[in-house]
Amino acid sequence: MEEIIDARTSDAIALALRFQAPIFTYKNILDKAGIYLKTSAKKKDEKASEEKIIEELIAGEDKESVSKAKKDYTKFTKKELNKMLDEAVANEDYETAAQLRDELSKRGE
């Protein structure tokens, strides 16, 4: 069964990894990101190269967003979380802001 989902890159990768599903995108998106895939790879090598590319992406440029995803905000007070949220928005760090918002929502803020 195939399901088409419009998602942010980080969410799409997380879902694909969790459910071992392929990610389809447009060539121009990969070109803009500087990712060039070899299309002449053999079938056996193809899966290995795809996994290697994913690992390199996670270990490379995306390392910062992966580490942010693991941040534990449960030890902070609501006041501290609100201050951190204001700073994240001011710095246009929307990934962190979303996580802080989610933590505040869990607490009934």
Protein backbone atom coordinates (compact mmCIF):
# COMPACT_ATOMS: atom_id res chain seq x y z
CA MET A 1 0.00 0.00 0.00
CA GLU A 2 1.29 3.46 -0.88
CA GLU A 3 0.47 6.59 1.10
CA ILE A 4 1.50 10.07 0.04
CA ILE A 5 2.30 12.43 2.91
CA ASP A 6 3.40 16.04 2.65
CA ALA A 7 5.93 16.50 5.46
CA ARG A 8 8.93 18.49 6.56
CA THR A 9 12.22 16.85 5.72
CA SER A 10 13.03 15.94 9.33
CA ASP A 11 9.60 14.37 9.86
CA ALA A 12 9.74 12.46 6.55
CA ILE A 13 13.13 10.98 7.42
CA ALA A 14 11.98 10.03 10.92
CA LEU A 15 8.86 8.31 9.57
CA ALA A 16 10.74 6.54 6.79
CA LEU A 17 13.36 5.22 9.19
CA ARG A 18 10.78 4.08 11.71
CA PHE A 19 8.63 2.26 9.16
CA GLN A 20 11.49 1.29 6.81
CA ALA A 21 9.73 3.07 3.97
CA PRO A 22 11.24 4.81 0.94
CA ILE A 23 11.22 8.57 0.57
CA PHE A 24 10.39 10.03 -2.83
CA THR A 25 11.27 13.59 -3.75
CA TYR A 26 11.85 15.71 -6.80
CA LYS A 27 15.26 15.81 -8.47
CA ASN A 28 15.45 19.61 -8.19
CA ILE A 29 15.17 19.36 -4.39
CA LEU A 30 18.13 17.00 -4.25
CA ASP A 31 20.05 19.23 -6.67
CA LYS A 32 19.47 22.28 -4.45
CA ALA A 33 20.70 20.29 -1.45
CA GLY A 34 23.82 19.28 -3.36
CA ILE A 35 22.93 15.57 -3.34
CA TYR A 36 23.68 13.74 -6.56
CA LEU A 37 22.69 10.09 -6.74
CA LYS A 38 24.19 7.67 -9.20
CA THR A 39 21.39 6.02 -11.17
CA SER A 40 23.57 3.36 -12.78
CA ALA A 41 24.17 1.45 -9.51
CA LYS A 42 23.39 -2.26 -9.41
CA LYS A 43 20.34 -3.36 -7.39
CA LYS A 44 22.39 -4.94 -4.55
CA ASP A 45 24.64 -1.90 -4.26
CA GLU A 46 21.71 0.49 -4.59
CA LYS A 47 20.21 -0.27 -1.17
CA ALA A 48 23.63 -0.10 0.50
CA SER A 49 24.37 3.27 -1.11
CA GLU A 50 20.97 4.65 -0.10
CA GLU A 51 21.58 3.61 3.50
CA LYS A 52 25.07 5.14 3.38
CA ILE A 53 23.67 8.42 2.04
CA ILE A 54 21.07 8.54 4.82
CA GLU A 55 23.72 7.84 7.46
CA GLU A 56 25.96 10.56 6.01
CA LEU A 57 23.09 13.06 6.00
CA ILE A 58 22.23 12.31 9.60
CA ALA A 59 25.87 12.37 10.70
CA GLY A 60 26.68 15.49 8.66
CA GLU A 61 24.62 18.62 8.18
CA ASP A 62 21.55 17.23 9.93
CA LYS A 63 23.52 16.31 13.07
CA GLU A 64 22.36 19.53 14.77
CA SER A 65 18.65 18.84 14.24
CA VAL A 66 19.06 15.22 15.36
CA SER A 67 20.72 16.33 18.60
CA LYS A 68 17.98 18.94 19.16
CA ALA A 69 15.35 16.24 18.79
CA LYS A 70 16.86 14.40 21.75
CA LYS A 71 16.84 17.40 24.13
CA ASP A 72 14.92 16.73 27.34
CA TYR A 73 12.88 19.73 28.46
CA THR A 74 11.07 17.97 31.33
CA LYS A 75 13.52 19.27 33.95
CA PHE A 76 12.73 22.94 33.23
CA THR A 77 10.01 25.01 34.89
CA LYS A 78 7.19 26.57 32.84
CA LYS A 79 8.75 29.99 33.36
CA GLU A 80 12.11 28.76 32.04
CA LEU A 81 10.42 27.05 29.09
CA ASN A 82 8.53 30.24 28.16
CA LYS A 83 11.78 32.25 28.30
CA MET A 84 13.55 29.65 26.15
CA LEU A 85 10.60 29.70 23.73
CA ASP A 86 10.81 33.48 23.37
CA GLU A 87 14.56 33.24 22.71
CA ALA A 88 14.12 30.43 20.17
CA VAL A 89 11.52 32.44 18.24
CA ALA A 90 13.69 35.57 18.37
CA ASN A 91 16.61 33.55 16.97
CA GLU A 92 14.32 31.96 14.35
CA ASP A 93 15.11 28.49 15.74
CA TYR A 94 11.70 27.09 14.94
CA GLU A 95 12.57 23.42 15.56
CA THR A 96 13.49 24.19 19.17
CA ALA A 97 10.51 26.52 19.50
CA ALA A 98 8.15 23.75 18.36
CA GLN A 99 9.62 21.32 20.88
CA LEU A 100 9.31 23.87 23.66
CA ARG A 101 5.72 24.59 22.64
CA ASP A 102 4.97 20.87 22.72
CA GLU A 103 6.46 20.51 26.20
CA LEU A 104 4.39 23.45 27.44
CA SER A 105 1.27 21.92 25.87
CA LYS A 106 1.89 18.64 27.70
CA ARG A 107 1.86 20.59 30.95
CA GLY A 108 -1.38 22.35 30.17
CA GLU A 109 0.14 25.72 29.27
